C-alpha atoms as a PDB file:
ATOM      1  CA  UNK A   1     -31.568 -23.465   1.702  1.00  0.00           C
ATOM      2  CA  UNK A   2     -29.659 -23.191  -1.555  1.00  0.00           C
ATOM      3  CA  UNK A   3     -26.097 -21.982  -2.079  1.00  0.00           C
ATOM      4  CA  UNK A   4     -27.168 -18.573  -3.389  1.00  0.00           C
ATOM      5  CA  UNK A   5     -29.360 -17.877  -0.365  1.00  0.00           C
ATOM      6  CA  UNK A   6     -26.600 -19.036   1.979  1.00  0.00           C
ATOM      7  CA  UNK A   7     -24.055 -16.768   0.285  1.00  0.00           C
ATOM      8  CA  UNK A   8     -26.450 -13.822   0.563  1.00  0.00           C
ATOM      9  CA  UNK A   9     -26.921 -14.496   4.283  1.00  0.00           C
ATOM     10  CA  UNK A  10     -23.171 -14.757   4.861  1.00  0.00           C
ATOM     11  CA  UNK A  11     -22.520 -11.585   2.874  1.00  0.00           C
ATOM     12  CA  UNK A  12     -25.133  -9.698   4.882  1.00  0.00           C
ATOM     13  CA  UNK A  13     -23.669 -11.009   8.155  1.00  0.00           C
ATOM     14  CA  UNK A  14     -20.186  -9.789   7.159  1.00  0.00           C
ATOM     15  CA  UNK A  15     -21.610  -6.421   6.127  1.00  0.00           C
ATOM     16  CA  UNK A  16     -23.416  -6.068   9.458  1.00  0.00           C
ATOM     17  CA  UNK A  17     -20.264  -7.044  11.344  1.00  0.00           C
ATOM     18  CA  UNK A  18     -18.189  -4.456   9.477  1.00  0.00           C
ATOM     19  CA  UNK A  19     -20.777  -1.777  10.118  1.00  0.00           C
ATOM     20  CA  UNK A  20     -20.760  -2.617  13.818  1.00  0.00           C
ATOM     21  CA  UNK A  21     -16.965  -2.316  13.923  1.00  0.00           C
ATOM     22  CA  UNK A  22     -17.101   1.052  12.157  1.00  0.00           C
ATOM     23  CA  UNK A  23     -19.668   2.278  14.679  1.00  0.00           C
ATOM     24  CA  UNK A  24     -17.443   1.114  17.550  1.00  0.00           C
ATOM     25  CA  UNK A  25     -14.476   2.869  15.952  1.00  0.00           C
ATOM     26  CA  UNK A  26     -16.446   6.073  15.550  1.00  0.00           C
ATOM     27  CA  UNK A  27     -17.524   5.942  19.190  1.00  0.00           C
ATOM     28  CA  UNK A  28     -13.932   5.389  20.332  1.00  0.00           C
ATOM     29  CA  UNK A  29     -12.661   8.332  18.313  1.00  0.00           C
ATOM     30  CA  UNK A  30     -15.440  10.596  19.604  1.00  0.00           C
ATOM     31  CA  UNK A  31     -14.586   9.662  23.201  1.00  0.00           C
ATOM     32  CA  UNK A  32     -10.909  10.347  22.633  1.00  0.00           C
ATOM     33  CA  UNK A  33     -11.699  13.709  21.031  1.00  0.00           C
ATOM     34  CA  UNK A  34     -13.968  14.598  23.962  1.00  0.00           C
ATOM     35  CA  UNK A  35     -11.049  13.875  26.291  1.00  0.00           C
ATOM     36  CA  UNK A  36      -8.874  16.233  24.195  1.00  0.00           C
ATOM     37  CA  UNK A  37      -6.516  13.393  23.327  1.00  0.00           C
ATOM     38  CA  UNK A  38      -3.542  14.211  21.149  1.00  0.00           C
ATOM     39  CA  UNK A  39      -3.124  12.719  17.691  1.00  0.00           C
ATOM     40  CA  UNK A  40      -0.463  10.345  19.039  1.00  0.00           C
ATOM     41  CA  UNK A  41      -2.721   9.251  21.897  1.00  0.00           C
ATOM     42  CA  UNK A  42      -5.563   8.567  19.456  1.00  0.00           C
ATOM     43  CA  UNK A  43      -3.307   6.536  17.157  1.00  0.00           C
ATOM     44  CA  UNK A  44      -1.883   4.598  20.093  1.00  0.00           C
ATOM     45  CA  UNK A  45      -5.338   3.794  21.433  1.00  0.00           C
ATOM     46  CA  UNK A  46      -6.571   2.732  17.994  1.00  0.00           C
ATOM     47  CA  UNK A  47      -3.567   0.443  17.498  1.00  0.00           C
ATOM     48  CA  UNK A  48      -4.214  -1.098  20.893  1.00  0.00           C
ATOM     49  CA  UNK A  49      -7.905  -1.542  20.068  1.00  0.00           C
ATOM     50  CA  UNK A  50      -7.066  -3.159  16.707  1.00  0.00           C
ATOM     51  CA  UNK A  51      -4.653  -5.542  18.396  1.00  0.00           C
ATOM     52  CA  UNK A  52      -7.267  -6.522  20.971  1.00  0.00           C
ATOM     53  CA  UNK A  53      -9.846  -7.144  18.216  1.00  0.00           C
ATOM     54  CA  UNK A  54      -7.343  -9.290  16.290  1.00  0.00           C
ATOM     55  CA  UNK A  55      -6.599 -11.331  19.414  1.00  0.00           C
ATOM     56  CA  UNK A  56     -10.316 -11.960  19.943  1.00  0.00           C
ATOM     57  CA  UNK A  57     -10.644 -13.069  16.313  1.00  0.00           C
ATOM     58  CA  UNK A  58      -7.623 -15.368  16.588  1.00  0.00           C
ATOM     59  CA  UNK A  59      -8.875 -17.022  19.772  1.00  0.00           C
ATOM     60  CA  UNK A  60     -12.307 -17.577  18.218  1.00  0.00           C
ATOM     61  CA  UNK A  61     -10.806 -19.210  15.119  1.00  0.00           C
ATOM     62  CA  UNK A  62      -8.595 -21.427  17.288  1.00  0.00           C
ATOM     63  CA  UNK A  63     -11.648 -22.495  19.265  1.00  0.00           C
ATOM     64  CA  UNK A  64     -13.413 -23.501  16.066  1.00  0.00           C
ATOM     65  CA  UNK A  65     -10.393 -25.471  14.863  1.00  0.00           C
ATOM     66  CA  UNK A  66     -10.223 -27.512  18.082  1.00  0.00           C
END
């Protein structure tokens, strides 16, 4: 596999990962709206969700570094 093909595969993997996160975000917001959550509740939940996702990413990168 050459460098160009590898870069294309990595770019596509990142794109797919971002799309998956956007779909998860959309689903979360729809659930909160269905529960008649207030704007503040939605923002609080999203901040919590972002923090949890960042913690997962940090623990994965630490595992790779070990």
